[in-house]
Amino acid sequence: MRNWEVFVPFSGLHLIAVAICSLLIMMLTLAGRELCERTVESKLRRSWAVFALCYWFAYIVWWNWNGLDLDGGLPLHLCDFNGLVAPLALLTLNRWVRATLYFWSFTLTLQAFIQPMLSVGPAHLSFWAFWAGHTIIMASAVYDVAVLEFRPDWRDVGRVLMVSLAYVAVVTPINLALDTNYGFIGNPPPGKAIPPFIDAMGPWPRRAVIVVGLAAVGFVLTLLPWRMTGRCDELEADELEAGEGRA
């Protein structure tokens, strides 16, 4: 029974949860690609976005149902913001929103699957809510890349950096005023848990600066595969053009 009550990172339960979430993401992506060929993909995309919005609002209301939880119930964690960015990206197809979804998801939200901040098991609704919320975000990001063919560039890195700095500027004073740790860039008082991988970065404000710096590095790293692919395509095109010229 204890296995149903407690979640342990890097356990068998962790592996199963990630596998199921990955399967759901793949199913949505395959459905979108199939519907693209029938020119009715937009119906699936809009329906998914509306579902994501409804889930986001329902989750916030449920979490604070018994009273506003200032310590962790405000929708101020980056994944809370990204939970709104995801459906808005699919609904509007705005470049700024899509760039934010791509880089936040594949750099930061992905960490929730690798090192989840979760302690309760399947016997608790919080377990299911955690995985559902993050799966919705990642599914939206994968859908935008695999189905809608979003391809980031260096200008998109600039866009997400500006959005991220705006997030830090908004959340930091709130963290200091409430002694909270939203975005893992706050300075909570002794006794309030800090994730081990964040705590290892040293005292505040140094760890906040390191977190922001690592995020920026992560944005660049998640862009590199596309730049490398683009460079290979350019080289192949140049070789093809040169061959035609010799012929």
Protein backbone atom coordinates (compact mmCIF):
# COMPACT_ATOMS: atom_id res chain seq x y z
CA MET A 1 0.00 0.00 0.00
CA ARG A 2 2.93 2.28 0.69
CA ASN A 3 3.83 2.16 -3.00
CA TRP A 4 0.51 3.85 -3.77
CA GLU A 5 1.02 6.54 -1.13
CA VAL A 6 4.58 7.66 -1.90
CA PHE A 7 6.37 8.70 -5.07
CA VAL A 8 10.13 8.18 -5.23
CA PRO A 9 12.06 9.83 -8.09
CA PHE A 10 13.96 7.45 -10.40
CA SER A 11 11.87 4.52 -9.21
CA GLY A 12 9.86 2.04 -11.26
CA LEU A 13 6.75 4.17 -10.74
CA HIS A 14 8.62 7.17 -12.12
CA LEU A 15 9.59 5.21 -15.23
CA ILE A 16 6.03 3.98 -15.76
CA ALA A 17 4.59 7.47 -15.35
CA VAL A 18 7.00 8.96 -17.90
CA ALA A 19 6.32 6.09 -20.33
CA ILE A 20 2.55 6.60 -20.14
CA CYS A 21 2.90 10.37 -20.56
CA SER A 22 5.17 9.85 -23.57
CA LEU A 23 2.65 7.48 -25.12
CA LEU A 24 -0.15 10.02 -24.74
CA ILE A 25 2.01 12.74 -26.29
CA MET A 26 2.81 10.47 -29.22
CA MET A 27 -0.86 9.60 -29.74
CA LEU A 28 -1.85 13.28 -29.95
CA THR A 29 1.00 14.00 -32.35
CA LEU A 30 0.15 11.07 -34.64
CA ALA A 31 -3.50 12.10 -34.67
CA GLY A 32 -2.53 15.64 -35.65
CA ARG A 33 -0.27 14.47 -38.45
CA GLU A 34 -2.99 12.16 -39.76
CA LEU A 35 -5.58 14.93 -39.73
CA CYS A 36 -3.22 17.30 -41.54
CA GLU A 37 -3.61 15.11 -44.59
CA ARG A 38 -7.40 15.54 -44.34
CA THR A 39 -7.19 19.33 -43.83
CA VAL A 40 -9.17 19.14 -40.59
CA GLU A 41 -6.24 19.39 -38.20
CA SER A 42 -7.35 22.79 -36.89
CA LYS A 43 -10.39 21.23 -35.21
CA LEU A 44 -8.21 18.89 -33.17
CA ARG A 45 -5.75 21.67 -32.34
CA ARG A 46 -8.42 24.08 -31.16
CA SER A 47 -10.22 21.40 -29.17
CA TRP A 48 -6.96 20.44 -27.47
CA ALA A 49 -6.18 24.08 -26.68
CA VAL A 50 -9.63 24.63 -25.14
CA PHE A 51 -9.18 21.46 -23.08
CA ALA A 52 -5.77 22.71 -21.89
CA LEU A 53 -7.26 26.06 -20.85
CA CYS A 54 -10.11 24.36 -18.98
CA TYR A 55 -7.66 22.06 -17.20
CA TRP A 56 -5.46 24.99 -16.19
CA PHE A 57 -8.33 26.89 -14.60
CA ALA A 58 -9.76 23.76 -12.96
CA TYR A 59 -6.37 22.88 -11.47
CA ILE A 60 -5.87 26.34 -9.93
CA VAL A 61 -9.39 26.31 -8.43
CA TRP A 62 -8.96 22.77 -7.09
CA TRP A 63 -5.57 23.52 -5.50
CA ASN A 64 -6.96 26.54 -3.65
CA TRP A 65 -10.41 25.10 -2.95
CA ASN A 66 -9.97 25.15 0.84
CA GLY A 67 -8.36 28.57 0.90
CA LEU A 68 -5.78 30.50 -1.08
CA ASP A 69 -2.38 28.84 -0.77
CA LEU A 70 0.08 31.73 -1.00
CA ASP A 71 3.07 29.44 -0.54
CA GLY A 72 2.51 27.31 -3.64
CA GLY A 73 -1.03 27.72 -4.90
CA LEU A 74 -0.65 30.95 -6.83
CA PRO A 75 -0.16 30.27 -10.56
CA LEU A 76 3.32 31.78 -10.50
CA HIS A 77 5.61 28.83 -11.15
CA LEU A 78 7.04 28.90 -14.65
CA CYS A 79 5.09 25.78 -15.59
CA ASP A 80 1.92 27.54 -14.44
CA PHE A 81 2.68 30.31 -16.91
CA ASN A 82 3.59 27.75 -19.53
CA GLY A 83 0.28 26.02 -18.92
CA LEU A 84 -1.35 29.16 -20.34
CA VAL A 85 1.28 29.71 -23.02
CA ALA A 86 0.68 26.22 -24.47
CA PRO A 87 -2.98 26.63 -25.50
CA LEU A 88 -2.44 30.26 -26.53
CA ALA A 89 0.38 29.18 -28.84
CA LEU A 90 -1.85 26.64 -30.58
CA LEU A 91 -4.80 29.01 -30.80
CA THR A 92 -3.01 32.16 -31.99
CA LEU A 93 0.08 30.72 -33.76
CA ASN A 94 1.83 33.89 -32.63
CA ARG A 95 5.61 33.64 -33.07
CA TRP A 96 6.44 35.09 -29.63
CA VAL A 97 4.09 32.69 -27.88
CA ARG A 98 5.25 29.68 -29.89
CA ALA A 99 8.91 30.51 -29.21
CA THR A 100 8.17 30.78 -25.50
CA LEU A 101 6.35 27.44 -25.54
CA TYR A 102 9.20 25.72 -27.38
CA PHE A 103 12.09 26.89 -25.22
CA TRP A 104 10.29 26.82 -21.87
CA SER A 105 8.95 23.32 -22.55
CA PHE A 106 12.05 21.59 -23.91
CA THR A 107 14.41 23.33 -21.48
CA LEU A 108 12.42 23.76 -18.25
CA THR A 109 9.12 21.85 -18.23
CA LEU A 110 11.05 18.79 -19.39
CA GLN A 111 12.82 18.85 -16.03
CA ALA A 112 9.52 17.92 -14.36
CA PHE A 113 9.74 14.56 -16.11
CA ILE A 114 13.43 14.06 -15.34
CA GLN A 115 13.48 15.23 -11.71
CA PRO A 116 9.86 15.71 -10.61
CA MET A 117 9.09 17.72 -7.48
CA LEU A 118 6.56 15.16 -6.29
CA SER A 119 6.33 13.10 -3.12
CA VAL A 120 2.84 11.55 -3.17
CA GLY A 121 1.87 8.46 -5.15
CA PRO A 122 -1.15 7.37 -7.21
CA ALA A 123 -3.36 7.21 -4.11
CA HIS A 124 -3.43 11.02 -4.16
CA LEU A 125 -5.08 13.25 -6.74
CA SER A 126 -2.02 15.52 -6.66
CA PHE A 127 -0.03 12.75 -8.35
CA TRP A 128 -2.37 12.59 -11.32
CA ALA A 129 -2.73 16.36 -11.51
CA PHE A 130 1.04 16.80 -11.62
CA TRP A 131 1.58 14.43 -14.51
CA ALA A 132 -1.52 15.56 -16.41
CA GLY A 133 -0.56 19.24 -16.26
CA HIS A 134 3.00 18.73 -17.44
CA THR A 135 1.93 16.25 -20.11
CA ILE A 136 -0.50 18.78 -21.56
CA ILE A 137 2.30 21.32 -21.85
CA MET A 138 4.79 18.92 -23.43
CA ALA A 139 2.17 17.49 -25.78
CA SER A 140 1.39 21.01 -27.00
CA ALA A 141 5.07 21.78 -27.56
CA VAL A 142 5.71 18.51 -29.42
CA TYR A 143 2.55 19.06 -31.47
CA ASP A 144 3.74 22.52 -32.52
CA VAL A 145 7.06 21.09 -33.71
CA ALA A 146 5.95 17.77 -35.20
CA VAL A 147 2.58 18.74 -36.67
CA LEU A 148 2.65 22.53 -37.17
CA GLU A 149 6.36 22.43 -38.06
CA PHE A 150 7.52 25.25 -35.81
CA ARG A 151 11.25 25.78 -36.31
CA PRO A 152 13.05 28.09 -33.86
CA ASP A 153 15.85 30.47 -34.84
CA TRP A 154 18.18 32.89 -33.07
CA ARG A 155 15.53 35.61 -33.03
CA ASP A 156 13.30 33.25 -31.10
CA VAL A 157 16.05 32.85 -28.50
CA GLY A 158 15.97 36.61 -28.10
CA ARG A 159 12.21 36.53 -27.76
CA VAL A 160 12.17 33.87 -25.04
CA LEU A 161 14.99 35.61 -23.17
CA MET A 162 12.94 38.81 -23.05
CA VAL A 163 9.84 36.94 -21.91
CA SER A 164 11.85 35.03 -19.30
CA LEU A 165 13.42 38.20 -17.91
CA ALA A 166 9.94 39.71 -17.67
CA TYR A 167 8.84 36.62 -15.71
CA VAL A 168 11.80 37.01 -13.34
CA ALA A 169 11.03 40.72 -12.91
CA VAL A 170 7.42 39.93 -11.96
CA VAL A 171 8.00 36.90 -9.73
CA THR A 172 11.09 38.03 -7.80
CA PRO A 173 9.42 40.86 -5.83
CA ILE A 174 6.47 38.58 -5.10
CA ASN A 175 8.83 35.90 -3.78
CA LEU A 176 10.58 38.44 -1.55
CA ALA A 177 7.30 39.85 -0.25
CA LEU A 178 5.72 36.45 0.50
CA ASP A 179 8.86 34.45 1.38
CA THR A 180 8.02 32.02 -1.41
CA ASN A 181 10.08 30.21 -4.02
CA TYR A 182 8.08 30.52 -7.23
CA GLY A 183 10.22 29.71 -10.25
CA PHE A 184 12.85 28.36 -7.81
CA ILE A 185 14.42 31.84 -7.74
CA GLY A 186 13.12 32.93 -4.33
CA ASN A 187 14.69 33.07 -0.90
CA PRO A 188 12.32 31.14 1.38
CA PRO A 189 13.01 31.15 5.14
CA PRO A 190 14.60 28.15 6.88
CA GLY A 191 12.21 25.24 7.16
CA LYS A 192 10.68 25.66 3.72
CA ALA A 193 11.85 22.94 1.38
CA ILE A 194 14.16 23.81 -1.50
CA PRO A 195 14.71 21.22 -4.26
CA PRO A 196 18.10 19.53 -3.73
CA PHE A 197 19.37 20.43 -7.21
CA ILE A 198 18.50 24.09 -6.54
CA ASP A 199 19.89 24.13 -3.01
CA ALA A 200 23.19 22.73 -4.33
CA MET A 201 23.71 25.97 -6.26
CA GLY A 202 24.46 27.84 -3.06
CA PRO A 203 22.83 30.65 -1.09
CA TRP A 204 20.43 33.21 -2.48
CA PRO A 205 20.81 35.36 -4.57
CA ARG A 206 23.66 33.41 -6.15
CA ARG A 207 21.49 30.37 -6.83
CA ALA A 208 18.82 32.54 -8.46
CA VAL A 209 21.43 34.00 -10.82
CA ILE A 210 22.72 30.50 -11.60
CA VAL A 211 19.19 29.22 -12.31
CA VAL A 212 18.55 32.09 -14.73
CA GLY A 213 21.95 31.56 -16.37
CA LEU A 214 21.40 27.81 -16.77
CA ALA A 215 18.02 28.48 -18.34
CA ALA A 216 19.61 30.81 -20.89
CA VAL A 217 22.24 28.18 -21.72
CA GLY A 218 19.47 25.60 -22.05
CA PHE A 219 17.64 27.81 -24.56
CA VAL A 220 20.73 27.94 -26.76
CA LEU A 221 21.31 24.19 -26.48
CA THR A 222 17.74 23.40 -27.54
CA LEU A 223 18.20 25.61 -30.59
CA LEU A 224 21.45 24.00 -31.76
CA PRO A 225 19.90 20.83 -33.28
CA TRP A 226 17.80 22.98 -35.60
CA ARG A 227 20.75 25.16 -36.56
CA MET A 228 22.86 22.09 -37.29
CA THR A 229 20.07 20.56 -39.37
CA GLY A 230 19.61 23.80 -41.25
CA ARG A 231 23.33 24.00 -41.94
CA CYS A 232 23.35 20.44 -43.31
CA ASP A 233 20.41 21.26 -45.57
CA GLU A 234 22.26 24.33 -46.88
CA LEU A 235 25.37 22.27 -47.61
CA GLU A 236 23.36 19.62 -49.44
CA ALA A 237 21.64 22.31 -51.50
CA ASP A 238 24.99 23.90 -52.37
CA GLU A 239 26.44 20.51 -53.40
CA LEU A 240 23.39 19.77 -55.53
CA GLU A 241 23.61 23.17 -57.21
CA ALA A 242 27.33 22.72 -57.86
CA GLY A 243 26.72 19.28 -59.37
CA GLU A 244 24.05 20.65 -61.69
CA GLY A 245 26.43 23.42 -62.70
CA ARG A 246 29.16 20.92 -63.67
CA ALA A 247 26.63 18.89 -65.63
